Amino acid sequence: MKTVTMLKFRQDAEGVLRRVAKGERLVLSHRGKPAARLEPLAGSPSSDARNDPFLGIARRAKPSSKGKTKHADIDQILYGRR
């Protein structure tokens, strides 16, 4: 599976997504580490956003009692460094 960096994705998101739509599976890397897998959807996307688990995440999210999480803290959790 080929890897696409975040820089390349930001520069040419449309081109990368075209490749995925044609059936190519890609790994998206962030700071040199695999972060996500981009692959074509098996079926046609649902036209009803209420049933889409990704688009419905805002409805299910609950505010944290600890307040907002800083980006540096997220990096620490994901990558073990700041």
C-alpha atoms as a PDB file:
ATOM      1  CA  MET A   1       0.000   0.000   0.000  1.00  0.00           C
ATOM      2  CA  LYS A   2       1.403   3.395  -0.979  1.00  0.00           C
ATOM      3  CA  THR A   3       1.852   6.227   1.519  1.00  0.00           C
ATOM      4  CA  VAL A   4       0.761   9.849   1.076  1.00  0.00           C
ATOM      5  CA  THR A   5       2.128  12.523   3.395  1.00  0.00           C
ATOM      6  CA  MET A   6      -0.089  15.167   4.952  1.00  0.00           C
ATOM      7  CA  LEU A   7       1.810  17.791   2.947  1.00  0.00           C
ATOM      8  CA  LYS A   8       1.043  16.014  -0.334  1.00  0.00           C
ATOM      9  CA  PHE A   9      -2.568  15.524   0.720  1.00  0.00           C
ATOM     10  CA  ARG A  10      -2.998  19.219   1.558  1.00  0.00           C
ATOM     11  CA  GLN A  11      -1.387  20.236  -1.743  1.00  0.00           C
ATOM     12  CA  ASP A  12      -3.435  17.859  -3.891  1.00  0.00           C
ATOM     13  CA  ALA A  13      -6.391  16.527  -1.895  1.00  0.00           C
ATOM     14  CA  GLU A  14      -8.561  16.349  -4.992  1.00  0.00           C
ATOM     15  CA  GLY A  15      -5.988  14.262  -6.872  1.00  0.00           C
ATOM     16  CA  VAL A  16      -5.439  11.931  -3.929  1.00  0.00           C
ATOM     17  CA  LEU A  17      -9.176  11.410  -3.503  1.00  0.00           C
ATOM     18  CA  ARG A  18      -9.533  10.718  -7.229  1.00  0.00           C
ATOM     19  CA  ARG A  19      -6.948   7.944  -6.872  1.00  0.00           C
ATOM     20  CA  VAL A  20      -8.904   6.495  -3.955  1.00  0.00           C
ATOM     21  CA  ALA A  21     -12.186   6.722  -5.880  1.00  0.00           C
ATOM     22  CA  LYS A  22     -10.571   4.684  -8.680  1.00  0.00           C
ATOM     23  CA  GLY A  23      -9.861   1.894  -6.205  1.00  0.00           C
ATOM     24  CA  GLU A  24      -6.387   2.684  -4.865  1.00  0.00           C
ATOM     25  CA  ARG A  25      -5.797   2.186  -1.133  1.00  0.00           C
ATOM     26  CA  LEU A  26      -3.420   4.652   0.530  1.00  0.00           C
ATOM     27  CA  VAL A  27      -1.918   5.249   3.965  1.00  0.00           C
ATOM     28  CA  LEU A  28      -1.941   8.873   5.129  1.00  0.00           C
ATOM     29  CA  SER A  29       1.144   9.680   7.206  1.00  0.00           C
ATOM     30  CA  HIS A  30       1.531  12.467   9.758  1.00  0.00           C
ATOM     31  CA  ARG A  31       4.962  13.385  11.067  1.00  0.00           C
ATOM     32  CA  GLY A  32       6.424  10.296   9.450  1.00  0.00           C
ATOM     33  CA  LYS A  33       4.023   7.846  11.084  1.00  0.00           C
ATOM     34  CA  PRO A  34       0.951   6.152   9.610  1.00  0.00           C
ATOM     35  CA  ALA A  35      -2.145   8.029  10.750  1.00  0.00           C
ATOM     36  CA  ALA A  36      -5.049   6.846   8.591  1.00  0.00           C
ATOM     37  CA  ARG A  37      -5.973   4.545   5.763  1.00  0.00           C
ATOM     38  CA  LEU A  38      -7.744   5.975   2.727  1.00  0.00           C
ATOM     39  CA  GLU A  39      -9.760   3.443   0.779  1.00  0.00           C
ATOM     40  CA  PRO A  40     -12.760   3.497  -1.492  1.00  0.00           C
ATOM     41  CA  LEU A  41     -16.168   2.980   0.045  1.00  0.00           C
ATOM     42  CA  ALA A  42     -17.507  -0.520  -0.541  1.00  0.00           C
ATOM     43  CA  GLY A  43     -20.976   0.696  -1.488  1.00  0.00           C
ATOM     44  CA  SER A  44     -22.417   3.986  -2.459  1.00  0.00           C
ATOM     45  CA  PRO A  45     -22.381   6.563   0.316  1.00  0.00           C
ATOM     46  CA  SER A  46     -25.597   7.061   2.195  1.00  0.00           C
ATOM     47  CA  SER A  47     -27.561  10.101   1.167  1.00  0.00           C
ATOM     48  CA  ASP A  48     -28.964  10.328   4.699  1.00  0.00           C
ATOM     49  CA  ALA A  49     -26.381  12.066   6.905  1.00  0.00           C
ATOM     50  CA  ARG A  50     -28.315  11.045  10.047  1.00  0.00           C
ATOM     51  CA  ASN A  51     -27.256   7.427   9.474  1.00  0.00           C
ATOM     52  CA  ASP A  52     -23.605   8.196   8.725  1.00  0.00           C
ATOM     53  CA  PRO A  53     -21.544   7.397  11.855  1.00  0.00           C
ATOM     54  CA  PHE A  54     -18.829   9.915  10.991  1.00  0.00           C
ATOM     55  CA  LEU A  55     -21.158  12.814  10.219  1.00  0.00           C
ATOM     56  CA  GLY A  56     -23.263  12.056  13.289  1.00  0.00           C
ATOM     57  CA  ILE A  57     -20.364  12.197  15.744  1.00  0.00           C
ATOM     58  CA  ALA A  58     -21.198  15.751  16.842  1.00  0.00           C
ATOM     59  CA  ARG A  59     -24.594  14.588  18.114  1.00  0.00           C
ATOM     60  CA  ARG A  60     -23.002  11.848  20.216  1.00  0.00           C
ATOM     61  CA  ALA A  61     -20.078  13.882  21.562  1.00  0.00           C
ATOM     62  CA  LYS A  62     -20.253  14.987  25.168  1.00  0.00           C
ATOM     63  CA  PRO A  63     -18.284  17.930  26.603  1.00  0.00           C
ATOM     64  CA  SER A  64     -15.354  16.925  28.758  1.00  0.00           C
ATOM     65  CA  SER A  65     -15.430  17.922  32.400  1.00  0.00           C
ATOM     66  CA  LYS A  66     -11.715  18.719  32.020  1.00  0.00           C
ATOM     67  CA  GLY A  67     -12.234  21.375  29.348  1.00  0.00           C
ATOM     68  CA  LYS A  68     -10.654  21.537  25.895  1.00  0.00           C
ATOM     69  CA  THR A  69      -7.773  19.259  24.939  1.00  0.00           C
ATOM     70  CA  LYS A  70      -4.763  21.127  23.557  1.00  0.00           C
ATOM     71  CA  HIS A  71      -3.179  20.046  20.273  1.00  0.00           C
ATOM     72  CA  ALA A  72       0.137  19.405  22.051  1.00  0.00           C
ATOM     73  CA  ASP A  73      -1.640  17.046  24.458  1.00  0.00           C
ATOM     74  CA  ILE A  74      -3.227  15.160  21.565  1.00  0.00           C
ATOM     75  CA  ASP A  75       0.208  14.794  19.926  1.00  0.00           C
ATOM     76  CA  GLN A  76       1.584  13.500  23.237  1.00  0.00           C
ATOM     77  CA  ILE A  77      -1.182  10.903  23.450  1.00  0.00           C
ATOM     78  CA  LEU A  78      -0.836   9.796  19.818  1.00  0.00           C
ATOM     79  CA  TYR A  79       2.904  10.006  19.286  1.00  0.00           C
ATOM     80  CA  GLY A  80       4.405   9.984  22.771  1.00  0.00           C
ATOM     81  CA  ARG A  81       6.209  13.255  22.250  1.00  0.00           C
ATOM     82  CA  ARG A  82       5.616  16.965  22.027  1.00  0.00           C
END
